[in-house]
């Protein structure tokens, strides 16, 4: 399964990444079955090879943090050295990624892509991602974490109060308003 978390709410992205990592990989085999890449420096081929590597006594998880492959501006211009330095996928790498998103991964192998921005729906990689999420059964789980709405601070206050209650901490409504 391919899990994709995206959006501008860094706190929720991080919390969901931690939850998925805990749920998908047992603690005793985490050192063997968990691989983490920095999306700014990782090559698509490295990530795909790691994701297709068979697991060892349980499910395998490959995490790509700060994944730039679906974000606005993630299209490489021809002979652009800056894009090369930033590991923006070229047409060959994009095709390999699109194929992976269309085919899915072997059983026991999971890929978690964490993108700190909204998805650019015009990219071929993003279209394949959305197709995988719409497939029956889905090959991709797509979850968005939008940033706080500056025009609706009351939503942020209610979220903060709810989060504090869920974590058994508790916070007064007035204190939450002062924080926001």
C-alpha atoms as a PDB file:
ATOM      1  CA  UNK A   1       0.000   0.000   0.000  1.00  0.00           C
ATOM      2  CA  UNK A   2       1.153   3.516  -0.742  1.00  0.00           C
ATOM      3  CA  UNK A   3       0.234   6.125   1.869  1.00  0.00           C
ATOM      4  CA  UNK A   4       0.424   9.796   0.916  1.00  0.00           C
ATOM      5  CA  UNK A   5       0.093  12.541   3.497  1.00  0.00           C
ATOM      6  CA  UNK A   6       0.128  16.109   2.241  1.00  0.00           C
ATOM      7  CA  UNK A   7      -0.737  19.622   3.359  1.00  0.00           C
ATOM      8  CA  UNK A   8       0.603  22.549   5.297  1.00  0.00           C
ATOM      9  CA  UNK A   9      -0.277  21.396   8.826  1.00  0.00           C
ATOM     10  CA  UNK A  10       3.188  20.199   9.857  1.00  0.00           C
ATOM     11  CA  UNK A  11       2.060  19.082  13.315  1.00  0.00           C
ATOM     12  CA  UNK A  12      -0.706  16.808  11.997  1.00  0.00           C
ATOM     13  CA  UNK A  13       1.557  15.454   9.240  1.00  0.00           C
ATOM     14  CA  UNK A  14       4.179  14.515  11.808  1.00  0.00           C
ATOM     15  CA  UNK A  15       1.635  12.956  14.185  1.00  0.00           C
ATOM     16  CA  UNK A  16       0.061  10.865  11.403  1.00  0.00           C
ATOM     17  CA  UNK A  17       3.496   9.753  10.147  1.00  0.00           C
ATOM     18  CA  UNK A  18       4.385   8.606  13.655  1.00  0.00           C
ATOM     19  CA  UNK A  19       1.049   6.785  14.044  1.00  0.00           C
ATOM     20  CA  UNK A  20       1.397   4.977  10.708  1.00  0.00           C
ATOM     21  CA  UNK A  21       4.993   4.004  11.462  1.00  0.00           C
ATOM     22  CA  UNK A  22       3.926   2.537  14.799  1.00  0.00           C
ATOM     23  CA  UNK A  23       0.934   0.722  13.275  1.00  0.00           C
ATOM     24  CA  UNK A  24       2.679  -0.686  10.193  1.00  0.00           C
ATOM     25  CA  UNK A  25       6.065  -1.815  11.549  1.00  0.00           C
ATOM     26  CA  UNK A  26       6.461  -3.803  14.740  1.00  0.00           C
ATOM     27  CA  UNK A  27       8.844  -2.270  17.254  1.00  0.00           C
ATOM     28  CA  UNK A  28      11.112  -5.328  17.406  1.00  0.00           C
ATOM     29  CA  UNK A  29      11.739  -5.316  13.624  1.00  0.00           C
ATOM     30  CA  UNK A  30      11.742  -1.542  13.074  1.00  0.00           C
ATOM     31  CA  UNK A  31      15.531  -1.377  12.674  1.00  0.00           C
ATOM     32  CA  UNK A  32      15.317  -3.851   9.775  1.00  0.00           C
ATOM     33  CA  UNK A  33      11.964  -3.056   8.162  1.00  0.00           C
ATOM     34  CA  UNK A  34      11.906   0.756   8.356  1.00  0.00           C
ATOM     35  CA  UNK A  35      13.809   2.932   5.891  1.00  0.00           C
ATOM     36  CA  UNK A  36      13.550   6.729   5.991  1.00  0.00           C
ATOM     37  CA  UNK A  37      14.584   9.043   3.150  1.00  0.00           C
ATOM     38  CA  UNK A  38      14.821  12.815   2.977  1.00  0.00           C
ATOM     39  CA  UNK A  39      12.818  13.751  -0.111  1.00  0.00           C
ATOM     40  CA  UNK A  40      15.102  16.667  -0.887  1.00  0.00           C
ATOM     41  CA  UNK A  41      18.093  14.376  -1.411  1.00  0.00           C
ATOM     42  CA  UNK A  42      16.578  10.985  -2.268  1.00  0.00           C
ATOM     43  CA  UNK A  43      16.444   9.729  -5.821  1.00  0.00           C
ATOM     44  CA  UNK A  44      13.223   8.127  -6.994  1.00  0.00           C
ATOM     45  CA  UNK A  45      15.050   4.967  -8.052  1.00  0.00           C
ATOM     46  CA  UNK A  46      16.527   4.520  -4.540  1.00  0.00           C
ATOM     47  CA  UNK A  47      13.124   4.908  -2.923  1.00  0.00           C
ATOM     48  CA  UNK A  48      11.429   2.491  -5.320  1.00  0.00           C
ATOM     49  CA  UNK A  49      14.157  -0.131  -4.875  1.00  0.00           C
ATOM     50  CA  UNK A  50      13.842   0.151  -1.092  1.00  0.00           C
ATOM     51  CA  UNK A  51      10.035  -0.067  -1.294  1.00  0.00           C
ATOM     52  CA  UNK A  52      10.188  -3.218  -3.423  1.00  0.00           C
ATOM     53  CA  UNK A  53      12.695  -4.940  -1.126  1.00  0.00           C
ATOM     54  CA  UNK A  54      11.004  -7.892   0.608  1.00  0.00           C
ATOM     55  CA  UNK A  55      10.266  -7.486   4.296  1.00  0.00           C
ATOM     56  CA  UNK A  56      11.900  -9.428   7.099  1.00  0.00           C
ATOM     57  CA  UNK A  57       9.494 -10.920   9.679  1.00  0.00           C
ATOM     58  CA  UNK A  58       6.646  -8.455   9.213  1.00  0.00           C
ATOM     59  CA  UNK A  59       5.654  -5.557   7.020  1.00  0.00           C
ATOM     60  CA  UNK A  60       8.232  -3.205   5.539  1.00  0.00           C
ATOM     61  CA  UNK A  61       7.801   0.579   5.479  1.00  0.00           C
ATOM     62  CA  UNK A  62       9.729   3.117   3.424  1.00  0.00           C
ATOM     63  CA  UNK A  63       9.139   6.741   4.453  1.00  0.00           C
ATOM     64  CA  UNK A  64       9.963   9.744   2.261  1.00  0.00           C
ATOM     65  CA  UNK A  65       9.803  12.918   4.334  1.00  0.00           C
ATOM     66  CA  UNK A  66       9.499  16.320   2.678  1.00  0.00           C
ATOM     67  CA  UNK A  67       8.579  14.634  -0.617  1.00  0.00           C
ATOM     68  CA  UNK A  68       8.750  17.171  -3.487  1.00  0.00           C
ATOM     69  CA  UNK A  69       7.477  14.930  -6.309  1.00  0.00           C
ATOM     70  CA  UNK A  70       3.835  16.058  -6.276  1.00  0.00           C
ATOM     71  CA  UNK A  71       4.221  19.686  -5.213  1.00  0.00           C
ATOM     72  CA  UNK A  72       3.681  22.828  -7.275  1.00  0.00           C
ATOM     73  CA  UNK A  73       6.887  23.533  -9.183  1.00  0.00           C
ATOM     74  CA  UNK A  74       7.915  19.866  -9.242  1.00  0.00           C
ATOM     75  CA  UNK A  75       8.295  19.804 -12.999  1.00  0.00           C
ATOM     76  CA  UNK A  76      11.820  19.708 -14.358  1.00  0.00           C
ATOM     77  CA  UNK A  77      12.768  22.015 -17.175  1.00  0.00           C
ATOM     78  CA  UNK A  78      15.084  20.673 -19.839  1.00  0.00           C
ATOM     79  CA  UNK A  79      18.790  20.893 -18.887  1.00  0.00           C
ATOM     80  CA  UNK A  80      18.038  22.653 -15.598  1.00  0.00           C
ATOM     81  CA  UNK A  81      20.999  22.118 -13.226  1.00  0.00           C
ATOM     82  CA  UNK A  82      19.055  23.541 -10.278  1.00  0.00           C
ATOM     83  CA  UNK A  83      16.308  20.954 -10.793  1.00  0.00           C
ATOM     84  CA  UNK A  84      18.983  18.242 -10.897  1.00  0.00           C
ATOM     85  CA  UNK A  85      20.388  19.512  -7.603  1.00  0.00           C
ATOM     86  CA  UNK A  86      16.901  19.534  -6.038  1.00  0.00           C
ATOM     87  CA  UNK A  87      16.140  16.002  -7.295  1.00  0.00           C
ATOM     88  CA  UNK A  88      13.096  17.075  -9.291  1.00  0.00           C
ATOM     89  CA  UNK A  89      12.069  14.039 -11.319  1.00  0.00           C
ATOM     90  CA  UNK A  90      12.820  14.075 -15.012  1.00  0.00           C
ATOM     91  CA  UNK A  91      10.546  12.323 -17.484  1.00  0.00           C
ATOM     92  CA  UNK A  92      12.315   8.956 -17.016  1.00  0.00           C
ATOM     93  CA  UNK A  93      12.103   9.021 -13.215  1.00  0.00           C
ATOM     94  CA  UNK A  94       8.539  10.298 -13.371  1.00  0.00           C
ATOM     95  CA  UNK A  95       7.542   7.371 -15.582  1.00  0.00           C
ATOM     96  CA  UNK A  96       9.011   4.883 -13.103  1.00  0.00           C
ATOM     97  CA  UNK A  97       7.136   6.592 -10.258  1.00  0.00           C
ATOM     98  CA  UNK A  98       3.894   6.701 -12.277  1.00  0.00           C
ATOM     99  CA  UNK A  99       4.256   2.974 -13.046  1.00  0.00           C
ATOM    100  CA  UNK A 100       4.745   2.223  -9.339  1.00  0.00           C
ATOM    101  CA  UNK A 101       1.654   4.263  -8.423  1.00  0.00           C
ATOM    102  CA  UNK A 102      -0.397   2.432 -11.055  1.00  0.00           C
ATOM    103  CA  UNK A 103       0.857  -1.076 -10.205  1.00  0.00           C
ATOM    104  CA  UNK A 104       1.151  -0.776  -6.443  1.00  0.00           C
ATOM    105  CA  UNK A 105       3.663  -2.582  -4.242  1.00  0.00           C
ATOM    106  CA  UNK A 106       4.153  -6.258  -3.372  1.00  0.00           C
ATOM    107  CA  UNK A 107       2.332  -7.575  -0.300  1.00  0.00           C
ATOM    108  CA  UNK A 108       4.094  -6.674   2.929  1.00  0.00           C
ATOM    109  CA  UNK A 109       5.739  -3.580   1.437  1.00  0.00           C
ATOM    110  CA  UNK A 110       4.452  -0.096   2.235  1.00  0.00           C
ATOM    111  CA  UNK A 111       5.512   3.344   1.058  1.00  0.00           C
ATOM    112  CA  UNK A 112       4.726   6.507   3.036  1.00  0.00           C
ATOM    113  CA  UNK A 113       5.141   9.785   1.146  1.00  0.00           C
ATOM    114  CA  UNK A 114       4.922  12.932   3.299  1.00  0.00           C
ATOM    115  CA  UNK A 115       4.568  16.132   1.249  1.00  0.00           C
ATOM    116  CA  UNK A 116       4.560  19.454   3.136  1.00  0.00           C
ATOM    117  CA  UNK A 117       2.545  21.197   0.411  1.00  0.00           C
ATOM    118  CA  UNK A 118      -0.679  20.657  -1.472  1.00  0.00           C
ATOM    119  CA  UNK A 119      -0.556  18.326  -4.462  1.00  0.00           C
ATOM    120  CA  UNK A 120      -0.221  19.838  -7.941  1.00  0.00           C
ATOM    121  CA  UNK A 121      -2.962  17.918  -9.746  1.00  0.00           C
ATOM    122  CA  UNK A 122      -1.591  18.728 -13.219  1.00  0.00           C
ATOM    123  CA  UNK A 123       1.540  16.571 -12.870  1.00  0.00           C
ATOM    124  CA  UNK A 124       1.534  13.051 -14.312  1.00  0.00           C
ATOM    125  CA  UNK A 125       2.775  11.717 -10.964  1.00  0.00           C
ATOM    126  CA  UNK A 126      -0.119  13.407  -9.146  1.00  0.00           C
ATOM    127  CA  UNK A 127      -2.651  12.103 -11.665  1.00  0.00           C
ATOM    128  CA  UNK A 128      -1.358   8.552 -11.133  1.00  0.00           C
ATOM    129  CA  UNK A 129      -1.548   9.106  -7.370  1.00  0.00           C
ATOM    130  CA  UNK A 130      -5.187  10.210  -7.606  1.00  0.00           C
ATOM    131  CA  UNK A 131      -6.031   7.279  -9.918  1.00  0.00           C
ATOM    132  CA  UNK A 132      -4.481   4.881  -7.402  1.00  0.00           C
ATOM    133  CA  UNK A 133      -6.589   6.408  -4.630  1.00  0.00           C
ATOM    134  CA  UNK A 134      -9.776   6.062  -6.718  1.00  0.00           C
ATOM    135  CA  UNK A 135      -9.073   2.449  -7.782  1.00  0.00           C
ATOM    136  CA  UNK A 136     -11.125  -0.435  -6.410  1.00  0.00           C
ATOM    137  CA  UNK A 137      -9.493  -1.677  -4.204  1.00  0.00           C
ATOM    138  CA  UNK A 138      -7.374   1.432  -3.630  1.00  0.00           C
ATOM    139  CA  UNK A 139      -3.614   1.124  -4.123  1.00  0.00           C
ATOM    140  CA  UNK A 140      -3.008   4.549  -2.587  1.00  0.00           C
ATOM    141  CA  UNK A 141      -4.328   6.092   0.614  1.00  0.00           C
ATOM    142  CA  UNK A 142      -4.374   9.860   0.174  1.00  0.00           C
ATOM    143  CA  UNK A 143      -4.851  12.120   3.202  1.00  0.00           C
ATOM    144  CA  UNK A 144      -4.742  15.917   3.255  1.00  0.00           C
ATOM    145  CA  UNK A 145      -3.846  18.089   6.246  1.00  0.00           C
ATOM    146  CA  UNK A 146      -4.614  21.683   5.250  1.00  0.00           C
ATOM    147  CA  UNK A 147      -3.033  24.475   7.230  1.00  0.00           C
ATOM    148  CA  UNK A 148      -5.044  26.623   9.616  1.00  0.00           C
ATOM    149  CA  UNK A 149      -7.524  29.018   8.034  1.00  0.00           C
ATOM    150  CA  UNK A 150      -6.437  32.549   9.044  1.00  0.00           C
ATOM    151  CA  UNK A 151     -10.013  33.747   8.536  1.00  0.00           C
ATOM    152  CA  UNK A 152     -11.488  31.197  10.959  1.00  0.00           C
ATOM    153  CA  UNK A 153      -9.413  31.221  14.157  1.00  0.00           C
ATOM    154  CA  UNK A 154     -12.320  29.659  16.080  1.00  0.00           C
ATOM    155  CA  UNK A 155     -11.658  26.391  14.208  1.00  0.00           C
ATOM    156  CA  UNK A 156      -8.065  26.455  15.433  1.00  0.00           C
ATOM    157  CA  UNK A 157      -9.229  27.112  19.002  1.00  0.00           C
ATOM    158  CA  UNK A 158     -11.716  24.233  18.929  1.00  0.00           C
ATOM    159  CA  UNK A 159      -9.077  21.931  17.402  1.00  0.00           C
ATOM    160  CA  UNK A 160      -6.590  22.878  20.147  1.00  0.00           C
ATOM    161  CA  UNK A 161      -9.135  22.238  22.912  1.00  0.00           C
ATOM    162  CA  UNK A 162     -10.081  18.899  21.311  1.00  0.00           C
ATOM    163  CA  UNK A 163      -6.457  17.837  20.894  1.00  0.00           C
ATOM    164  CA  UNK A 164      -5.673  18.692  24.519  1.00  0.00           C
ATOM    165  CA  UNK A 165      -8.712  16.685  25.652  1.00  0.00           C
ATOM    166  CA  UNK A 166      -7.719  13.696  23.463  1.00  0.00           C
ATOM    167  CA  UNK A 167      -4.202  13.648  24.903  1.00  0.00           C
ATOM    168  CA  UNK A 168      -5.538  13.871  28.484  1.00  0.00           C
ATOM    169  CA  UNK A 169      -3.958  17.272  29.004  1.00  0.00           C
ATOM    170  CA  UNK A 170      -6.896  19.681  28.946  1.00  0.00           C
ATOM    171  CA  UNK A 171      -6.899  23.395  28.216  1.00  0.00           C
ATOM    172  CA  UNK A 172      -9.396  26.131  28.950  1.00  0.00           C
ATOM    173  CA  UNK A 173     -11.195  27.738  25.980  1.00  0.00           C
ATOM    174  CA  UNK A 174      -9.883  31.195  26.971  1.00  0.00           C
ATOM    175  CA  UNK A 175      -6.314  29.927  27.246  1.00  0.00           C
ATOM    176  CA  UNK A 176      -6.597  28.355  23.792  1.00  0.00           C
ATOM    177  CA  UNK A 177      -7.835  31.670  22.365  1.00  0.00           C
ATOM    178  CA  UNK A 178      -4.826  33.443  23.861  1.00  0.00           C
ATOM    179  CA  UNK A 179      -2.499  30.911  22.238  1.00  0.00           C
ATOM    180  CA  UNK A 180      -4.104  31.411  18.831  1.00  0.00           C
END
